[in-house]
């Protein structure tokens, strides 16, 4: 399990499968929630996670593929696209300080 301090996050990736619906909404929501922080939020396919990602959030069904695509990157799986506590913890750690475990 890897971890990163919220203050050290610069790039957060919302990884998805082939679809563009719910995960795009999540990326947009995260951009709004993290406005005013130095964090960029990007939406990418799970098989194309960029090497400079600090944190990846993805649906639990994609977690194994995300780990294979970005080994060593902090991965936070979630169950629901809007309002999931795991994603809320990431936002809180970035905005208020704290460790993000993945």
N, C-alpha and C. Protein backbone atom coordinates (compact mmCIF):
# COMPACT_ATOMS: atom_id res chain seq x y z
N UNK A 1 0.85 -1.18 0.00
CA UNK A 1 0.00 0.00 0.00
C UNK A 1 0.89 1.24 0.00
N UNK A 2 0.59 2.17 -0.88
CA UNK A 2 1.36 3.41 -0.94
C UNK A 2 0.52 4.54 -0.35
N UNK A 3 1.19 5.65 -0.06
CA UNK A 3 0.48 6.81 0.49
C UNK A 3 1.19 8.08 0.04
N UNK A 4 0.48 9.21 0.18
CA UNK A 4 1.03 10.51 -0.16
C UNK A 4 0.34 11.53 0.74
N UNK A 5 1.06 12.55 1.11
CA UNK A 5 0.47 13.64 1.87
C UNK A 5 -0.38 14.49 0.93
N UNK A 6 -1.52 14.92 1.40
CA UNK A 6 -2.41 15.73 0.59
C UNK A 6 -1.74 16.98 0.03
N UNK A 7 -0.85 17.59 0.81
CA UNK A 7 -0.16 18.81 0.37
C UNK A 7 0.81 18.56 -0.78
N UNK A 8 1.17 17.30 -1.00
CA UNK A 8 2.12 16.95 -2.06
C UNK A 8 1.45 16.55 -3.38
N UNK A 9 0.14 16.49 -3.40
CA UNK A 9 -0.59 16.07 -4.61
C UNK A 9 -0.63 17.24 -5.60
N UNK A 10 -0.21 16.96 -6.82
CA UNK A 10 -0.27 17.96 -7.89
C UNK A 10 -1.16 17.51 -9.04
N UNK A 11 -1.25 16.19 -9.25
CA UNK A 11 -2.09 15.67 -10.34
C UNK A 11 -2.94 14.52 -9.82
N UNK A 12 -4.25 14.70 -9.93
CA UNK A 12 -5.21 13.69 -9.54
C UNK A 12 -5.90 13.20 -10.82
N UNK A 13 -5.93 11.90 -10.99
CA UNK A 13 -6.52 11.30 -12.18
C UNK A 13 -7.81 10.58 -11.80
N UNK A 14 -8.86 10.83 -12.56
CA UNK A 14 -10.09 10.04 -12.48
C UNK A 14 -10.01 9.07 -13.65
N UNK A 15 -9.80 7.80 -13.33
CA UNK A 15 -9.64 6.78 -14.38
C UNK A 15 -10.98 6.09 -14.62
N UNK A 16 -11.26 5.87 -15.90
CA UNK A 16 -12.54 5.25 -16.27
C UNK A 16 -12.29 4.10 -17.24
N UNK A 17 -13.36 3.43 -17.58
CA UNK A 17 -13.28 2.40 -18.60
C UNK A 17 -13.48 3.09 -19.95
N UNK A 18 -14.33 2.64 -20.78
CA UNK A 18 -14.52 3.27 -22.09
C UNK A 18 -15.53 4.41 -22.03
N UNK A 19 -16.43 4.37 -21.06
CA UNK A 19 -17.49 5.37 -20.98
C UNK A 19 -16.96 6.75 -20.59
N UNK A 20 -17.80 7.75 -20.77
CA UNK A 20 -17.38 9.11 -20.45
C UNK A 20 -18.40 9.82 -19.58
N UNK A 21 -19.41 9.13 -19.09
CA UNK A 21 -20.49 9.79 -18.37
C UNK A 21 -20.19 10.11 -16.93
N UNK A 22 -20.36 9.15 -16.06
CA UNK A 22 -20.24 9.38 -14.62
C UNK A 22 -18.85 9.82 -14.20
N UNK A 23 -17.83 9.25 -14.79
CA UNK A 23 -16.47 9.61 -14.40
C UNK A 23 -16.12 11.04 -14.82
N UNK A 24 -16.67 11.50 -15.94
CA UNK A 24 -16.47 12.90 -16.34
C UNK A 24 -17.14 13.82 -15.34
N UNK A 25 -18.34 13.44 -14.88
CA UNK A 25 -19.02 14.25 -13.85
C UNK A 25 -18.20 14.29 -12.58
N UNK A 26 -17.62 13.17 -12.18
CA UNK A 26 -16.79 13.14 -10.98
C UNK A 26 -15.57 14.05 -11.15
N UNK A 27 -14.90 13.98 -12.29
CA UNK A 27 -13.74 14.84 -12.53
C UNK A 27 -14.13 16.31 -12.44
N UNK A 28 -15.26 16.67 -13.00
CA UNK A 28 -15.74 18.05 -12.95
C UNK A 28 -16.03 18.47 -11.51
N UNK A 29 -16.66 17.60 -10.76
CA UNK A 29 -16.95 17.88 -9.35
C UNK A 29 -15.65 18.07 -8.57
N UNK A 30 -14.67 17.21 -8.81
CA UNK A 30 -13.39 17.32 -8.10
C UNK A 30 -12.67 18.62 -8.47
N UNK A 31 -12.73 19.02 -9.73
CA UNK A 31 -12.12 20.30 -10.13
C UNK A 31 -12.72 21.46 -9.34
N UNK A 32 -14.04 21.44 -9.21
CA UNK A 32 -14.72 22.49 -8.44
C UNK A 32 -14.31 22.45 -6.97
N UNK A 33 -14.29 21.25 -6.40
CA UNK A 33 -13.97 21.10 -4.98
C UNK A 33 -12.52 21.48 -4.69
N UNK A 34 -11.63 21.29 -5.66
CA UNK A 34 -10.20 21.55 -5.44
C UNK A 34 -9.75 22.89 -6.03
N UNK A 35 -10.71 23.69 -6.49
CA UNK A 35 -10.36 25.01 -7.02
C UNK A 35 -9.63 25.80 -5.94
N UNK A 36 -8.57 26.48 -6.33
CA UNK A 36 -7.78 27.23 -5.37
C UNK A 36 -6.63 26.44 -4.78
N UNK A 37 -6.53 25.16 -5.14
CA UNK A 37 -5.39 24.34 -4.72
C UNK A 37 -4.49 24.15 -5.95
N UNK A 38 -3.25 23.71 -5.74
CA UNK A 38 -2.37 23.50 -6.89
C UNK A 38 -2.59 22.18 -7.63
N UNK A 39 -3.71 21.53 -7.39
CA UNK A 39 -3.98 20.21 -7.95
C UNK A 39 -4.73 20.32 -9.28
N UNK A 40 -4.20 19.64 -10.30
CA UNK A 40 -4.93 19.52 -11.56
C UNK A 40 -5.67 18.18 -11.54
N UNK A 41 -6.87 18.19 -12.06
CA UNK A 41 -7.69 16.98 -12.12
C UNK A 41 -7.88 16.64 -13.59
N UNK A 42 -7.52 15.40 -13.95
CA UNK A 42 -7.67 14.94 -15.32
C UNK A 42 -8.49 13.66 -15.36
N UNK A 43 -9.13 13.45 -16.49
CA UNK A 43 -9.94 12.27 -16.73
C UNK A 43 -9.25 11.46 -17.81
N UNK A 44 -8.89 10.21 -17.53
CA UNK A 44 -8.20 9.39 -18.53
C UNK A 44 -8.73 7.95 -18.50
N UNK A 45 -8.56 7.23 -19.59
CA UNK A 45 -8.89 5.80 -19.58
C UNK A 45 -7.97 5.06 -18.60
N UNK A 46 -8.50 4.03 -17.99
CA UNK A 46 -7.76 3.29 -16.97
C UNK A 46 -6.46 2.68 -17.52
N UNK A 47 -6.41 2.38 -18.80
CA UNK A 47 -5.20 1.80 -19.38
C UNK A 47 -4.20 2.85 -19.84
N UNK A 48 -4.51 4.14 -19.65
CA UNK A 48 -3.63 5.22 -20.11
C UNK A 48 -3.34 6.23 -19.00
N UNK A 49 -3.18 5.79 -17.78
CA UNK A 49 -2.91 6.68 -16.66
C UNK A 49 -1.51 7.27 -16.85
N UNK A 50 -1.38 8.60 -16.83
CA UNK A 50 -0.08 9.21 -17.06
C UNK A 50 0.91 8.90 -15.93
N UNK A 51 2.17 8.84 -16.30
CA UNK A 51 3.22 8.50 -15.34
C UNK A 51 3.44 9.52 -14.25
N UNK A 52 2.97 10.76 -14.46
CA UNK A 52 3.18 11.79 -13.44
C UNK A 52 1.98 11.95 -12.52
N UNK A 53 1.06 11.00 -12.54
CA UNK A 53 -0.10 11.03 -11.63
C UNK A 53 0.37 10.83 -10.20
N UNK A 54 -0.19 11.61 -9.29
CA UNK A 54 0.10 11.43 -7.86
C UNK A 54 -0.94 10.54 -7.19
N UNK A 55 -2.20 10.73 -7.58
CA UNK A 55 -3.31 9.95 -7.02
C UNK A 55 -4.25 9.59 -8.15
N UNK A 56 -4.73 8.36 -8.13
CA UNK A 56 -5.73 7.89 -9.09
C UNK A 56 -6.96 7.47 -8.31
N UNK A 57 -8.12 7.98 -8.72
CA UNK A 57 -9.38 7.49 -8.17
C UNK A 57 -10.11 6.77 -9.30
N UNK A 58 -10.68 5.61 -8.98
CA UNK A 58 -11.42 4.85 -9.97
C UNK A 58 -12.42 3.95 -9.27
N UNK A 59 -13.41 3.51 -10.02
CA UNK A 59 -14.40 2.60 -9.48
C UNK A 59 -13.72 1.30 -9.06
N UNK A 60 -14.21 0.68 -8.00
CA UNK A 60 -13.59 -0.55 -7.49
C UNK A 60 -13.47 -1.63 -8.56
N UNK A 61 -14.39 -1.66 -9.51
CA UNK A 61 -14.33 -2.65 -10.58
C UNK A 61 -13.15 -2.48 -11.52
N UNK A 62 -12.53 -1.31 -11.49
CA UNK A 62 -11.38 -1.03 -12.35
C UNK A 62 -10.05 -0.99 -11.59
N UNK A 63 -10.10 -1.22 -10.29
CA UNK A 63 -8.91 -1.04 -9.45
C UNK A 63 -7.73 -1.91 -9.89
N UNK A 64 -7.97 -3.17 -10.21
CA UNK A 64 -6.86 -4.04 -10.61
C UNK A 64 -6.21 -3.55 -11.90
N UNK A 65 -7.03 -3.12 -12.85
CA UNK A 65 -6.48 -2.59 -14.11
C UNK A 65 -5.71 -1.30 -13.87
N UNK A 66 -6.21 -0.46 -12.97
CA UNK A 66 -5.51 0.79 -12.66
C UNK A 66 -4.17 0.51 -12.00
N UNK A 67 -4.14 -0.45 -11.09
CA UNK A 67 -2.86 -0.82 -10.43
C UNK A 67 -1.84 -1.32 -11.46
N UNK A 68 -2.32 -2.09 -12.43
CA UNK A 68 -1.42 -2.61 -13.47
C UNK A 68 -0.93 -1.48 -14.37
N UNK A 69 -1.79 -0.51 -14.63
CA UNK A 69 -1.45 0.60 -15.52
C UNK A 69 -0.54 1.62 -14.84
N UNK A 70 -0.67 1.77 -13.52
CA UNK A 70 0.10 2.78 -12.79
C UNK A 70 0.62 2.20 -11.48
N UNK A 71 1.54 1.24 -11.57
CA UNK A 71 2.06 0.64 -10.34
C UNK A 71 2.79 1.67 -9.49
N UNK A 72 2.58 1.61 -8.20
CA UNK A 72 3.27 2.51 -7.28
C UNK A 72 2.54 3.83 -7.04
N UNK A 73 1.54 4.14 -7.86
CA UNK A 73 0.77 5.38 -7.67
C UNK A 73 -0.31 5.11 -6.64
N UNK A 74 -0.60 6.10 -5.80
CA UNK A 74 -1.65 5.95 -4.81
C UNK A 74 -2.99 5.78 -5.53
N UNK A 75 -3.66 4.68 -5.27
CA UNK A 75 -4.93 4.36 -5.92
C UNK A 75 -6.03 4.34 -4.87
N UNK A 76 -7.07 5.12 -5.11
CA UNK A 76 -8.21 5.18 -4.20
C UNK A 76 -9.44 4.68 -4.94
N UNK A 77 -9.85 3.45 -4.68
CA UNK A 77 -11.06 2.93 -5.31
C UNK A 77 -12.31 3.46 -4.60
N UNK A 78 -13.39 3.63 -5.35
CA UNK A 78 -14.65 4.09 -4.77
C UNK A 78 -15.79 3.24 -5.29
N UNK A 79 -16.92 3.31 -4.59
CA UNK A 79 -18.10 2.53 -4.95
C UNK A 79 -19.10 3.32 -5.78
N UNK A 80 -19.35 4.59 -5.41
CA UNK A 80 -20.34 5.42 -6.10
C UNK A 80 -19.66 6.66 -6.65
N UNK A 81 -20.13 7.14 -7.79
CA UNK A 81 -19.45 8.24 -8.47
C UNK A 81 -19.62 9.59 -7.80
N UNK A 82 -20.74 9.82 -7.15
CA UNK A 82 -20.96 11.11 -6.50
C UNK A 82 -21.22 10.87 -5.02
N UNK A 83 -20.44 11.51 -4.17
CA UNK A 83 -20.66 11.42 -2.73
C UNK A 83 -20.00 10.24 -2.04
N UNK A 84 -19.07 9.58 -2.68
CA UNK A 84 -18.41 8.43 -2.05
C UNK A 84 -17.46 8.91 -0.95
N UNK A 85 -17.48 8.30 0.24
CA UNK A 85 -16.62 8.72 1.34
C UNK A 85 -15.12 8.61 1.02
N UNK A 86 -14.72 7.65 0.20
CA UNK A 86 -13.30 7.51 -0.15
C UNK A 86 -12.81 8.73 -0.92
N UNK A 87 -13.63 9.22 -1.84
CA UNK A 87 -13.26 10.41 -2.62
C UNK A 87 -13.29 11.64 -1.73
N UNK A 88 -14.27 11.72 -0.84
CA UNK A 88 -14.36 12.85 0.10
C UNK A 88 -13.11 12.92 0.97
N UNK A 89 -12.57 11.77 1.38
CA UNK A 89 -11.34 11.76 2.19
C UNK A 89 -10.15 12.31 1.41
N UNK A 90 -10.09 12.02 0.11
CA UNK A 90 -9.02 12.55 -0.74
C UNK A 90 -9.10 14.07 -0.78
N UNK A 91 -10.29 14.60 -1.02
CA UNK A 91 -10.49 16.05 -1.09
C UNK A 91 -10.11 16.70 0.24
N UNK A 92 -10.55 16.12 1.34
CA UNK A 92 -10.25 16.67 2.66
C UNK A 92 -8.75 16.67 2.92
N UNK A 93 -8.07 15.60 2.56
CA UNK A 93 -6.61 15.52 2.79
C UNK A 93 -5.88 16.56 1.96
N UNK A 94 -6.32 16.81 0.75
CA UNK A 94 -5.67 17.81 -0.10
C UNK A 94 -5.93 19.21 0.44
N UNK A 95 -7.16 19.49 0.82
CA UNK A 95 -7.51 20.85 1.27
C UNK A 95 -7.06 21.16 2.70
N UNK A 96 -7.12 20.17 3.59
CA UNK A 96 -6.87 20.42 5.01
C UNK A 96 -5.62 19.73 5.55
N UNK A 97 -4.95 18.97 4.71
CA UNK A 97 -3.79 18.22 5.17
C UNK A 97 -4.20 16.83 5.62
N UNK A 98 -3.30 15.92 5.49
CA UNK A 98 -3.56 14.54 5.87
C UNK A 98 -2.96 13.60 4.85
N UNK A 99 -2.97 12.34 5.19
CA UNK A 99 -2.37 11.32 4.35
C UNK A 99 -3.45 10.63 3.52
N UNK A 100 -3.15 10.41 2.26
CA UNK A 100 -4.02 9.66 1.36
C UNK A 100 -3.39 8.29 1.19
N UNK A 101 -4.10 7.27 1.62
CA UNK A 101 -3.59 5.90 1.48
C UNK A 101 -4.27 5.23 0.31
N UNK A 102 -3.49 4.42 -0.39
CA UNK A 102 -4.07 3.74 -1.53
C UNK A 102 -3.51 2.38 -1.74
